[in-house]
Amino acid sequence: MRRIVGVGLGLVSSLACSEPGGDQLGLYTQNQFQTVEGDCQQCQASPQALWYFRHETFALPQSGAPVVSFDASKRGVEDTQALNPDALPALVWTGASQHWSALTLNAEVTAVTSVQGDRFGFKLVPKIVSNRSYWNAETSRYLSQKPLSIRGELEGKTLVARTVWPQPFKLNLTAGTQPLQSGESLQSLVQFANGGARSPYQSRLLWEKSPGAAQQSPGKAALGILLNGAQGDDDEAHGGHFALATGVVGADGDYASWLVNNYYNLASNSEKGIIAGVTPFDKYMGDLNSGQAFYRPSYMLVAVFSQPEIPKQVQALNNRVFEHFYRNDFVYDHALENCAGISIDALRQLGWQVPKRGAESLLKASAAYWYVAATERSLQKGRAIYDYLNTEMTRLFPAVAFDAIGNDLLKIAQTANQSTLRSGAMQAMPGQLEAIYFVRIPQIPSSRAYGLAPVYSFAQYLQQAPADRSQWQIIPVTPNPLPEQLKVGPARKPDAPAVLPIPAILFLISVIGLAWVLLKGLRHLLRRALPTAK
């Protein structure tokens, strides 16, 4: 049943203390939202979105607040007409109704203490049975005695935690500039120490507009380019994950309350309970079941702006894209419409033409199509490998998207070059950029194997995964189809690619033709070489 919990994300008075990011939830204020638990048929959100979150706690805009609108005839990022940068996302997945900060966990993991000295019992939400990355003794040692940001519920005198996030993980606003040195690159920062899963947390100022500009970051809008590494024991996940985040820099560099736009496969039930959506940064990273930080390292480039227009435009379009995503106007595809592809398409649609890196090879893709189709006896699997090898690499690989966006961002900042900024608010980027940070977030120790750096190519993927595919570690998932009665508009006419692509057909014709020519030539040579019978 639906239960309205209250305005925003309330604080229990006996544990009240300052929230990360003040009263912000991304670029918005928390009092613009109300928190809802469970099934909510009468709420002002799409029935499709409410269906996906029917067992969850989430935030919805208050009555009267401006809410995102969309064109029902469009499918995704193409729906950019009349964007309202002040319109709220229709739903934010918070996972809990309460949010506390500056809490310290005791070594026994039985109690938390506030800065005022209030002490409450402490429990963890239950582990999802299929989840392999959950809190263990190493987690306790790592997080105890650190100030923590926690989302959860208060049951009597006990705090039941859903999300736990280390508050020292924030931007360092006082350190001097450390630009990339000779021999350094964004890729080398990501690949440092095999991905840096066990490394210390790092916040590094790569560029600032003028000396001391970074120290003026608090209160300013920011865009986060977020890359999650490879999972250490899932051979289908060496590519990592990608997302765009927006928010306001906290007074001490905090970004826990920023909003992350997490595109994820809605058609299956995640073994960790992940649901695609707009979600707070600390939940995205620190949810005890679905948090990225519990099973792999992560990296973020943070662009701080003097004006909020660019982050607002990015968030506004993503708010709209999620409305199409929940309606199944377009569906997640690991090659054609994945987390990196959807995100970078949104930036390009807004006018930032991030340089492309090209596809692996059309010839290789066509050859692989027939090899896989024959060996696996499946045209669908052949089409899948064809798409992987024929998709432009910034849309396919999260690490390549991160690298392309990051390098262009640094170029724009350092040279004021506007060649990739073609239209709209994006053209103001050179004048509004104030600072750029690189952030490395280590893996929080858990029951899961340590993760790695994400791969940058298909060849690197094959090197990192076992050569024998039968030895791959794969985590099975169950289907989660949207009920047919909730499919409307474009969802009733799926925009699926043909199983047999034309280039693959032409490749096969060419191979057969070449084989025929070679065979004919060989027969001709044999006739001339052999003696004529008399």
Protein backbone atom coordinates (compact mmCIF):
# COMPACT_ATOMS: atom_id res chain seq x y z
CA MET A 1 0.00 0.00 0.00
CA ARG A 2 1.01 3.58 -0.54
CA ARG A 3 2.26 5.56 2.40
CA ILE A 4 3.18 9.25 2.18
CA VAL A 5 6.14 9.60 4.51
CA GLY A 6 6.54 13.35 4.46
CA VAL A 7 8.03 16.37 2.79
CA GLY A 8 11.45 15.76 1.30
CA LEU A 9 13.69 13.36 3.17
CA GLY A 10 12.95 14.08 6.79
CA LEU A 11 15.41 14.02 9.66
CA VAL A 12 14.54 12.48 12.98
CA SER A 13 14.93 15.30 15.50
CA SER A 14 16.98 13.34 18.02
CA LEU A 15 19.55 12.58 15.33
CA ALA A 16 19.22 15.82 13.42
CA CYS A 17 22.34 17.29 11.93
CA SER A 18 23.39 19.08 8.77
CA GLU A 19 22.71 17.16 5.58
CA PRO A 20 25.31 16.68 2.83
CA GLY A 21 24.72 19.38 0.23
CA GLY A 22 22.47 21.35 2.58
CA ASP A 23 18.84 21.08 1.56
CA GLN A 24 19.65 20.04 -2.00
CA LEU A 25 18.59 16.97 -3.95
CA GLY A 26 20.67 17.33 -7.08
CA LEU A 27 19.98 20.76 -8.57
CA TYR A 28 16.66 20.98 -6.72
CA THR A 29 15.67 21.67 -3.13
CA GLN A 30 14.45 18.74 -1.04
CA ASN A 31 11.27 20.54 0.02
CA GLN A 32 10.10 20.31 -3.60
CA PHE A 33 9.63 16.55 -3.08
CA GLN A 34 7.56 14.22 -0.93
CA THR A 35 8.60 10.69 -0.06
CA VAL A 36 6.35 7.75 -0.91
CA GLU A 37 6.60 4.08 0.05
CA GLY A 38 5.31 1.18 -2.02
CA ASP A 39 2.45 0.93 -4.49
CA CYS A 40 1.07 4.36 -5.34
CA GLN A 41 -1.60 4.13 -8.02
CA GLN A 42 -2.91 7.65 -7.43
CA CYS A 43 0.47 9.40 -7.48
CA GLN A 44 1.23 11.92 -10.22
CA ALA A 45 3.80 9.82 -12.06
CA SER A 46 3.52 7.59 -15.09
CA PRO A 47 1.94 4.18 -14.38
CA GLN A 48 4.97 2.57 -16.01
CA ALA A 49 7.44 4.22 -13.63
CA LEU A 50 5.23 3.43 -10.64
CA TRP A 51 5.10 -0.22 -11.73
CA TYR A 52 8.89 -0.56 -11.74
CA PHE A 53 9.15 1.03 -8.25
CA ARG A 54 6.04 -0.57 -6.73
CA HIS A 55 8.08 -2.24 -3.97
CA GLU A 56 10.38 0.71 -3.30
CA THR A 57 10.61 4.03 -1.47
CA PHE A 58 10.98 7.05 -3.74
CA ALA A 59 10.48 10.80 -3.92
CA LEU A 60 7.85 12.52 -6.08
CA PRO A 61 7.43 16.23 -6.81
CA GLN A 62 5.14 18.12 -4.44
CA SER A 63 1.75 19.11 -5.75
CA GLY A 64 2.10 22.29 -7.78
CA ALA A 65 5.83 21.87 -8.48
CA PRO A 66 6.90 21.99 -12.15
CA VAL A 67 7.27 18.40 -13.39
CA VAL A 68 8.99 17.10 -16.51
CA SER A 69 6.83 16.76 -19.62
CA PHE A 70 7.55 14.83 -22.81
CA ASP A 71 6.40 14.21 -26.38
CA ALA A 72 4.71 10.80 -26.49
CA SER A 73 5.51 10.42 -30.20
CA LYS A 74 9.28 10.46 -29.58
CA ARG A 75 11.51 7.61 -28.40
CA GLY A 76 14.33 9.08 -26.31
CA VAL A 77 17.04 11.73 -26.57
CA GLU A 78 15.45 13.12 -29.73
CA ASP A 79 12.74 14.68 -27.50
CA THR A 80 14.48 18.00 -26.88
CA GLN A 81 11.86 20.55 -27.90
CA ALA A 82 10.84 23.09 -25.23
CA LEU A 83 12.97 21.62 -22.43
CA ASN A 84 12.14 23.19 -19.07
CA PRO A 85 15.37 23.32 -17.01
CA ASP A 86 13.39 23.95 -13.81
CA ALA A 87 11.03 20.96 -14.23
CA LEU A 88 11.62 18.24 -11.64
CA PRO A 89 12.22 14.58 -12.46
CA ALA A 90 8.93 12.68 -12.21
CA LEU A 91 10.47 10.19 -9.75
CA VAL A 92 13.71 10.00 -7.73
CA TRP A 93 14.68 6.60 -6.31
CA THR A 94 15.84 7.37 -2.76
CA GLY A 95 15.35 3.88 -1.30
CA ALA A 96 14.56 5.29 2.16
CA SER A 97 12.48 7.99 3.83
CA GLN A 98 15.14 9.28 6.24
CA HIS A 99 18.62 10.69 5.69
CA TRP A 100 21.24 11.42 8.35
CA SER A 101 24.80 12.71 8.15
CA ALA A 102 27.83 12.93 10.43
CA LEU A 103 27.02 9.62 12.14
CA THR A 104 29.82 7.44 13.50
CA LEU A 105 29.51 3.66 13.57
CA ASN A 106 31.05 1.76 16.46
CA ALA A 107 33.54 -1.05 15.85
CA GLU A 108 30.99 -3.73 16.77
CA VAL A 109 28.54 -2.36 14.15
CA THR A 110 25.77 -2.27 16.73
CA ALA A 111 25.29 1.48 17.27
CA VAL A 112 25.73 4.89 15.66
CA THR A 113 26.51 8.17 17.39
CA SER A 114 25.71 11.68 16.18
CA VAL A 115 28.00 14.68 16.58
CA GLN A 116 25.72 15.77 19.46
CA GLY A 117 26.43 12.49 21.25
CA ASP A 118 23.02 10.85 20.62
CA ARG A 119 23.36 7.08 20.37
CA PHE A 120 21.06 4.71 18.48
CA GLY A 121 21.11 1.03 17.65
CA PHE A 122 22.22 0.06 14.16
CA LYS A 123 21.04 -2.66 11.76
CA LEU A 124 21.49 -3.38 8.07
CA VAL A 125 18.69 -3.98 5.59
CA PRO A 126 18.50 -7.68 4.66
CA LYS A 127 20.78 -9.00 1.96
CA ILE A 128 19.15 -9.85 -1.36
CA VAL A 129 19.65 -13.60 -1.75
CA SER A 130 21.22 -13.37 -5.21
CA ASN A 131 23.51 -10.46 -4.26
CA ARG A 132 27.19 -11.41 -3.89
CA SER A 133 28.49 -8.02 -2.71
CA TYR A 134 27.30 -7.45 0.82
CA TRP A 135 28.64 -6.06 4.09
CA ASN A 136 31.14 -8.28 5.93
CA ALA A 137 33.82 -7.94 8.62
CA GLU A 138 36.14 -6.05 6.26
CA THR A 139 33.37 -3.55 5.59
CA SER A 140 32.96 -3.01 9.31
CA ARG A 141 36.67 -2.31 9.77
CA TYR A 142 36.70 0.06 6.80
CA LEU A 143 33.65 2.13 7.73
CA SER A 144 33.69 2.15 11.52
CA GLN A 145 34.91 5.36 13.16
CA LYS A 146 34.37 7.33 9.93
CA PRO A 147 31.69 10.04 9.65
CA LEU A 148 28.95 8.50 7.55
CA SER A 149 25.96 9.62 5.54
CA ILE A 150 23.14 7.08 6.02
CA ARG A 151 19.74 6.60 4.38
CA GLY A 152 17.32 4.31 6.12
CA GLU A 153 14.43 4.03 8.56
CA LEU A 154 14.20 4.49 12.31
CA GLU A 155 12.50 1.58 14.07
CA GLY A 156 12.09 2.61 17.68
CA LYS A 157 15.61 3.30 18.91
CA THR A 158 17.30 1.46 16.02
CA LEU A 159 18.43 2.89 12.69
CA VAL A 160 17.97 0.36 9.88
CA ALA A 161 20.43 1.40 7.17
CA ARG A 162 19.72 1.06 3.44
CA THR A 163 22.60 3.25 2.24
CA VAL A 164 25.94 3.94 3.93
CA TRP A 165 28.40 6.42 2.44
CA PRO A 166 31.76 7.70 3.81
CA GLN A 167 31.55 11.48 4.14
CA PRO A 168 35.33 11.96 3.65
CA PHE A 169 34.65 11.04 0.01
CA LYS A 170 34.26 14.59 -1.28
CA LEU A 171 36.02 17.17 -3.46
CA ASN A 172 39.23 18.59 -2.00
CA LEU A 173 38.62 22.32 -2.36
CA THR A 174 41.89 23.44 -0.81
CA ALA A 175 44.50 21.44 -2.73
CA GLY A 176 46.46 23.15 -5.48
CA THR A 177 46.12 22.41 -9.17
CA GLN A 178 47.71 19.17 -10.42
CA PRO A 179 47.27 19.11 -14.21
CA LEU A 180 48.06 16.02 -16.23
CA GLN A 181 51.82 15.61 -16.53
CA SER A 182 53.89 14.33 -19.43
CA GLY A 183 53.10 10.64 -19.83
CA GLU A 184 49.85 10.96 -17.90
CA SER A 185 46.38 10.68 -19.40
CA LEU A 186 42.85 10.18 -18.17
CA GLN A 187 43.21 6.55 -19.18
CA SER A 188 46.36 6.12 -17.09
CA LEU A 189 44.56 7.65 -14.09
CA VAL A 190 41.74 5.14 -14.49
CA GLN A 191 44.11 2.20 -14.98
CA PHE A 192 46.37 3.16 -12.08
CA ALA A 193 46.99 0.15 -9.78
CA ASN A 194 44.81 -2.08 -11.97
CA GLY A 195 41.87 0.25 -11.46
CA GLY A 196 42.64 1.42 -7.94
CA ALA A 197 40.03 -0.71 -6.15
CA ARG A 198 42.35 -0.94 -3.11
CA SER A 199 43.88 2.53 -3.48
CA PRO A 200 43.15 5.52 -1.22
CA TYR A 201 40.36 7.86 -2.20
CA GLN A 202 41.66 10.69 -4.40
CA SER A 203 40.31 14.11 -5.38
CA ARG A 204 42.65 15.91 -7.78
CA LEU A 205 42.16 19.38 -9.24
CA LEU A 206 43.15 19.09 -12.90
CA TRP A 207 42.30 22.65 -13.93
CA GLU A 208 40.89 25.89 -12.56
CA LYS A 209 40.00 29.06 -14.43
CA SER A 210 42.13 31.27 -12.20
CA PRO A 211 44.11 30.74 -8.99
CA GLY A 212 41.71 30.11 -6.13
CA ALA A 213 38.66 29.59 -8.39
CA ALA A 214 38.18 26.03 -7.16
CA GLN A 215 37.85 27.22 -3.57
CA GLN A 216 34.79 29.18 -4.67
CA SER A 217 33.04 25.99 -5.85
CA PRO A 218 30.57 25.59 -2.93
CA GLY A 219 27.05 26.50 -4.01
CA LYS A 220 27.86 26.24 -7.71
CA ALA A 221 26.28 23.79 -10.13
CA ALA A 222 28.36 20.88 -11.38
CA LEU A 223 28.26 18.11 -13.96
CA GLY A 224 29.76 14.75 -13.02
CA ILE A 225 31.02 12.31 -15.67
CA LEU A 226 30.90 9.02 -13.79
CA LEU A 227 32.68 5.79 -14.76
CA ASN A 228 32.39 2.55 -12.77
CA GLY A 229 35.05 -0.12 -13.23
CA ALA A 230 34.90 -3.79 -14.17
CA GLN A 231 33.47 -6.32 -11.76
CA GLY A 232 36.11 -8.72 -10.52
CA ASP A 233 34.04 -11.89 -10.77
CA ASP A 234 31.52 -11.29 -13.54
CA ASP A 235 32.91 -11.88 -17.03
CA GLU A 236 29.98 -10.14 -18.68
CA ALA A 237 30.83 -6.89 -16.88
CA HIS A 238 34.42 -6.02 -17.86
CA GLY A 239 33.17 -2.98 -19.75
CA GLY A 240 32.13 -1.20 -16.56
CA HIS A 241 29.26 1.27 -16.29
CA PHE A 242 28.65 4.94 -17.08
CA ALA A 243 26.37 7.73 -15.86
CA LEU A 244 25.97 11.51 -15.81
CA ALA A 245 25.41 13.25 -12.47
CA THR A 246 24.32 16.79 -11.65
CA GLY A 247 24.13 18.78 -8.46
CA VAL A 248 25.40 21.65 -6.34
CA VAL A 249 28.84 21.48 -4.72
CA GLY A 250 28.42 21.26 -0.94
CA ALA A 251 30.00 23.67 1.53
CA ASP A 252 32.94 21.31 2.09
CA GLY A 253 33.06 19.79 -1.38
CA ASP A 254 30.36 17.21 -0.73
CA TYR A 255 28.56 15.60 -3.68
CA ALA A 256 26.58 12.86 -1.90
CA SER A 257 23.25 14.56 -2.65
CA TRP A 258 23.85 14.93 -6.40
CA LEU A 259 21.51 13.04 -8.72
CA VAL A 260 22.85 10.23 -10.91
CA ASN A 261 21.07 9.29 -14.15
CA ASN A 262 21.50 5.53 -14.12
CA TYR A 263 20.44 3.75 -17.31
CA TYR A 264 20.19 0.03 -16.68
CA ASN A 265 18.33 -2.91 -18.21
CA LEU A 266 14.68 -2.70 -17.11
CA ALA A 267 13.79 -5.98 -18.83
CA SER A 268 15.50 -8.14 -16.20
CA ASN A 269 15.57 -8.28 -12.41
CA SER A 270 19.03 -7.24 -11.25
CA GLU A 271 20.61 -9.73 -8.87
CA LYS A 272 21.51 -6.71 -6.71
CA GLY A 273 18.13 -5.02 -6.93
CA ILE A 274 19.23 -2.18 -9.23
CA ILE A 275 16.43 -0.31 -10.97
CA ALA A 276 17.24 2.23 -13.67
CA GLY A 277 16.43 5.73 -12.55
CA VAL A 278 17.39 9.14 -11.25
CA THR A 279 18.91 8.44 -7.84
CA PRO A 280 21.04 10.26 -5.22
CA PHE A 281 24.79 9.77 -5.58
CA ASP A 282 25.22 8.23 -2.12
CA LYS A 283 22.50 5.68 -2.87
CA TYR A 284 23.87 4.90 -6.32
CA MET A 285 27.27 4.20 -4.79
CA GLY A 286 26.51 3.11 -1.22
CA ASP A 287 23.25 1.12 -1.25
CA LEU A 288 24.04 -2.00 0.77
CA ASN A 289 22.74 -4.27 -2.00
CA SER A 290 22.95 -2.31 -5.23
CA GLY A 291 25.68 0.24 -4.47
CA GLN A 292 28.41 0.36 -7.11
CA ALA A 293 31.13 1.01 -4.51
CA PHE A 294 30.58 -2.39 -2.89
CA TYR A 295 31.74 -4.32 -5.94
CA ARG A 296 34.04 -2.16 -8.09
CA PRO A 297 36.17 1.02 -8.15
CA SER A 298 34.80 4.19 -9.72
CA TYR A 299 36.09 7.40 -11.27
CA MET A 300 34.51 10.80 -11.84
CA LEU A 301 35.34 13.97 -13.70
CA VAL A 302 33.63 16.96 -12.13
CA ALA A 303 33.06 20.15 -14.10
CA VAL A 304 32.09 23.11 -11.90
CA PHE A 305 30.27 26.00 -13.61
CA SER A 306 29.80 29.65 -12.70
CA GLN A 307 26.21 29.44 -13.97
CA PRO A 308 23.79 26.50 -13.65
CA GLU A 309 22.39 26.44 -17.22
CA ILE A 310 24.50 23.59 -18.64
CA PRO A 311 23.99 21.11 -15.75
CA LYS A 312 20.29 22.07 -15.72
CA GLN A 313 19.94 21.31 -19.43
CA VAL A 314 21.68 17.96 -19.02
CA GLN A 315 19.41 16.98 -16.14
CA ALA A 316 16.29 18.27 -17.88
CA LEU A 317 16.87 16.08 -20.92
CA ASN A 318 17.67 13.03 -18.81
CA ASN A 319 14.48 13.58 -16.80
CA ARG A 320 12.58 13.45 -20.08
CA VAL A 321 14.51 10.46 -21.45
CA PHE A 322 13.60 8.43 -18.37
CA GLU A 323 9.92 9.06 -19.06
CA HIS A 324 10.39 7.42 -22.46
CA PHE A 325 12.56 4.68 -20.95
CA TYR A 326 9.94 3.61 -18.40
CA ARG A 327 7.29 3.56 -21.12
CA ASN A 328 9.56 1.23 -23.17
CA ASP A 329 9.50 3.73 -26.06
CA PHE A 330 13.06 2.48 -26.45
CA VAL A 331 14.71 -0.39 -24.60
CA TYR A 332 18.13 -1.01 -23.12
CA ASP A 333 20.53 -2.87 -25.41
CA HIS A 334 24.08 -3.75 -24.34
CA ALA A 335 25.48 -2.66 -27.70
CA LEU A 336 23.04 -0.22 -29.30
CA GLU A 337 21.39 1.53 -26.33
CA ASN A 338 23.51 1.03 -23.23
CA CYS A 339 24.41 3.33 -20.34
CA ALA A 340 27.23 5.03 -22.25
CA GLY A 341 25.33 5.32 -25.52
CA ILE A 342 22.19 6.85 -24.05
CA SER A 343 24.21 9.31 -21.93
CA ILE A 344 26.55 10.52 -24.65
CA ASP A 345 23.64 10.76 -27.10
CA ALA A 346 22.00 13.15 -24.64
CA LEU A 347 25.09 15.39 -24.58
CA ARG A 348 25.31 15.39 -28.37
CA GLN A 349 21.61 16.11 -28.70
CA LEU A 350 22.10 19.17 -26.47
CA GLY A 351 24.81 20.49 -28.78
CA TRP A 352 28.05 19.07 -27.35
CA GLN A 353 29.40 16.99 -30.23
CA VAL A 354 31.86 14.91 -28.24
CA PRO A 355 34.43 13.56 -30.75
CA LYS A 356 33.67 10.04 -31.97
CA ARG A 357 36.22 7.23 -31.97
CA GLY A 358 34.74 5.05 -34.72
CA ALA A 359 33.68 1.40 -34.66
CA GLU A 360 35.94 -1.64 -34.36
CA SER A 361 35.49 -2.81 -37.96
CA LEU A 362 32.54 -3.43 -40.27
CA LEU A 363 34.47 -6.23 -41.98
CA LYS A 364 35.30 -7.84 -38.64
CA ALA A 365 31.69 -7.42 -37.50
CA SER A 366 30.34 -9.10 -40.62
CA ALA A 367 32.77 -12.02 -40.34
CA ALA A 368 32.03 -12.44 -36.64
CA TYR A 369 28.30 -12.46 -37.38
CA TRP A 370 28.53 -15.63 -39.47
CA TYR A 371 31.08 -17.31 -37.20
CA VAL A 372 28.97 -16.82 -34.07
CA ALA A 373 25.70 -17.59 -35.88
CA ALA A 374 27.18 -20.90 -37.10
CA THR A 375 28.97 -21.96 -33.90
CA GLU A 376 26.15 -20.90 -31.57
CA ARG A 377 23.41 -21.87 -34.04
CA SER A 378 21.70 -18.56 -33.40
CA LEU A 379 21.15 -15.62 -35.73
CA GLN A 380 20.26 -13.49 -32.67
CA LYS A 381 23.68 -14.16 -31.12
CA GLY A 382 25.29 -13.42 -34.45
CA ARG A 383 23.45 -10.10 -34.56
CA ALA A 384 24.60 -9.31 -31.01
CA ILE A 385 28.31 -9.74 -31.81
CA TYR A 386 27.82 -7.80 -35.05
CA ASP A 387 26.37 -4.88 -33.10
CA TYR A 388 29.20 -4.94 -30.55
CA LEU A 389 31.83 -4.71 -33.29
CA ASN A 390 29.95 -2.20 -35.42
CA THR A 391 28.83 0.32 -32.76
CA GLU A 392 30.73 3.61 -32.48
CA MET A 393 33.08 3.12 -29.52
CA THR A 394 32.08 6.14 -27.42
CA ARG A 395 28.54 4.70 -27.44
CA LEU A 396 29.70 1.16 -26.70
CA PHE A 397 32.41 1.32 -24.05
CA PRO A 398 31.87 3.37 -20.86
CA ALA A 399 35.63 3.92 -20.52
CA VAL A 400 35.91 5.28 -24.08
CA ALA A 401 32.93 7.61 -23.47
CA PHE A 402 34.59 8.84 -20.26
CA ASP A 403 37.89 9.37 -22.07
CA ALA A 404 36.37 11.20 -25.04
CA ILE A 405 34.19 13.49 -22.92
CA GLY A 406 36.99 14.15 -20.43
CA ASN A 407 39.64 14.99 -23.01
CA ASP A 408 37.31 17.30 -24.88
CA LEU A 409 36.28 18.95 -21.61
CA LEU A 410 39.93 19.64 -20.74
CA LYS A 411 40.58 20.96 -24.25
CA ILE A 412 37.61 23.33 -24.00
CA ALA A 413 38.77 24.54 -20.57
CA GLN A 414 42.40 25.04 -21.54
CA THR A 415 41.96 26.55 -25.02
CA ALA A 416 38.35 27.89 -25.05
CA ASN A 417 37.95 25.85 -28.24
CA GLN A 418 34.28 25.77 -29.23
CA SER A 419 34.53 23.50 -32.28
CA THR A 420 32.57 20.70 -30.61
CA LEU A 421 30.02 23.03 -29.01
CA ARG A 422 27.55 23.44 -31.83
CA SER A 423 24.34 24.83 -30.34
CA GLY A 424 22.27 25.79 -27.33
CA ALA A 425 23.51 26.33 -23.80
CA MET A 426 26.60 24.22 -24.49
CA GLN A 427 28.18 27.07 -26.46
CA ALA A 428 28.58 29.02 -23.23
CA MET A 429 30.76 26.29 -21.70
CA PRO A 430 34.21 27.94 -22.17
CA GLY A 431 33.12 31.07 -20.35
CA GLN A 432 31.29 29.26 -17.54
CA LEU A 433 33.77 26.50 -16.64
CA GLU A 434 35.38 27.23 -13.27
CA ALA A 435 37.19 24.02 -12.28
CA ILE A 436 37.67 20.39 -13.31
CA TYR A 437 38.40 17.60 -10.83
CA PHE A 438 39.36 13.95 -11.23
CA VAL A 439 38.02 11.71 -8.48
CA ARG A 440 39.00 8.09 -7.80
CA ILE A 441 36.61 6.21 -5.50
CA PRO A 442 38.03 2.90 -4.23
CA GLN A 443 35.91 -0.16 -3.71
CA ILE A 444 34.41 -0.46 -0.24
CA PRO A 445 35.55 -3.89 1.01
CA SER A 446 32.74 -6.43 0.95
CA SER A 447 32.05 -10.10 0.34
CA ARG A 448 32.64 -9.46 -3.38
CA ALA A 449 35.96 -9.88 -5.20
CA TYR A 450 37.82 -6.65 -5.89
CA GLY A 451 37.00 -5.03 -9.22
CA LEU A 452 39.31 -3.85 -11.98
CA ALA A 453 39.72 -0.98 -14.41
CA PRO A 454 37.15 -1.10 -17.23
CA VAL A 455 38.29 -2.16 -20.70
CA TYR A 456 38.73 0.25 -23.62
CA SER A 457 38.31 -2.16 -26.54
CA PHE A 458 36.81 -5.47 -27.56
CA ALA A 459 40.30 -7.00 -27.82
CA GLN A 460 41.09 -5.91 -24.25
CA TYR A 461 37.78 -7.40 -23.14
CA LEU A 462 38.76 -10.79 -24.61
CA GLN A 463 42.17 -10.57 -22.93
CA GLN A 464 40.62 -9.89 -19.51
CA ALA A 465 37.95 -12.61 -19.74
CA PRO A 466 38.84 -16.33 -19.88
CA ALA A 467 39.59 -17.55 -23.40
CA ASP A 468 37.26 -20.50 -22.86
CA ARG A 469 33.79 -19.01 -22.69
CA SER A 470 32.56 -22.03 -20.74
CA GLN A 471 34.80 -20.82 -17.90
CA TRP A 472 33.19 -17.38 -17.73
CA GLN A 473 31.61 -16.38 -14.45
CA ILE A 474 28.11 -15.19 -15.28
CA ILE A 475 25.48 -14.06 -12.79
CA PRO A 476 22.04 -15.22 -13.98
CA VAL A 477 19.05 -12.87 -13.89
CA THR A 478 15.32 -13.35 -14.33
CA PRO A 479 13.07 -11.50 -16.81
CA ASN A 480 11.09 -8.44 -15.77
CA PRO A 481 8.86 -7.49 -18.71
CA LEU A 482 6.61 -4.46 -18.55
CA PRO A 483 2.98 -5.69 -18.57
CA GLU A 484 1.39 -5.44 -22.00
CA GLN A 485 -1.45 -3.26 -20.70
CA LEU A 486 1.12 -0.60 -19.76
CA LYS A 487 2.67 -0.46 -23.22
CA VAL A 488 1.45 2.51 -25.24
CA GLY A 489 2.59 4.52 -28.25
CA PRO A 490 6.06 3.62 -29.60
CA ALA A 491 6.34 0.73 -27.12
CA ARG A 492 3.73 -1.14 -29.18
CA LYS A 493 6.01 -0.89 -32.23
CA PRO A 494 9.47 -1.97 -31.04
CA ASP A 495 12.30 -0.39 -33.00
CA ALA A 496 14.39 -3.56 -33.20
CA PRO A 497 17.20 -4.05 -35.76
CA ALA A 498 16.89 -6.77 -38.39
CA VAL A 499 18.30 -10.12 -37.28
CA LEU A 500 20.24 -10.40 -40.55
CA PRO A 501 22.11 -7.12 -41.30
CA ILE A 502 22.68 -6.17 -44.92
CA PRO A 503 26.50 -5.76 -44.58
CA ALA A 504 26.71 -9.33 -43.25
CA ILE A 505 24.72 -10.56 -46.25
CA LEU A 506 27.01 -8.68 -48.63
CA PHE A 507 30.04 -10.08 -46.80
CA LEU A 508 28.73 -13.64 -47.23
CA ILE A 509 28.00 -13.04 -50.92
CA SER A 510 31.53 -11.67 -51.35
CA VAL A 511 33.09 -14.65 -49.59
CA ILE A 512 31.06 -17.09 -51.66
CA GLY A 513 31.91 -15.16 -54.83
CA LEU A 514 35.60 -15.09 -54.00
CA ALA A 515 35.54 -18.81 -53.20
CA TRP A 516 33.83 -19.51 -56.54
CA VAL A 517 36.42 -17.44 -58.46
CA LEU A 518 39.29 -19.18 -56.67
CA LEU A 519 37.78 -22.61 -57.27
CA LYS A 520 37.21 -21.83 -60.96
CA GLY A 521 40.77 -20.60 -61.30
CA LEU A 522 42.12 -23.70 -59.56
CA ARG A 523 40.18 -26.00 -61.89
CA HIS A 524 41.53 -24.11 -64.89
CA LEU A 525 45.12 -24.51 -63.66
CA LEU A 526 44.58 -28.20 -63.01
CA ARG A 527 43.30 -28.76 -66.56
CA ARG A 528 46.40 -27.13 -67.99
CA ALA A 529 48.78 -28.97 -65.69
CA LEU A 530 47.40 -32.50 -66.12
CA PRO A 531 48.20 -34.49 -69.34
CA THR A 532 45.32 -34.93 -71.79
CA ALA A 533 44.02 -38.49 -71.89
CA LYS A 534 44.27 -40.24 -75.31
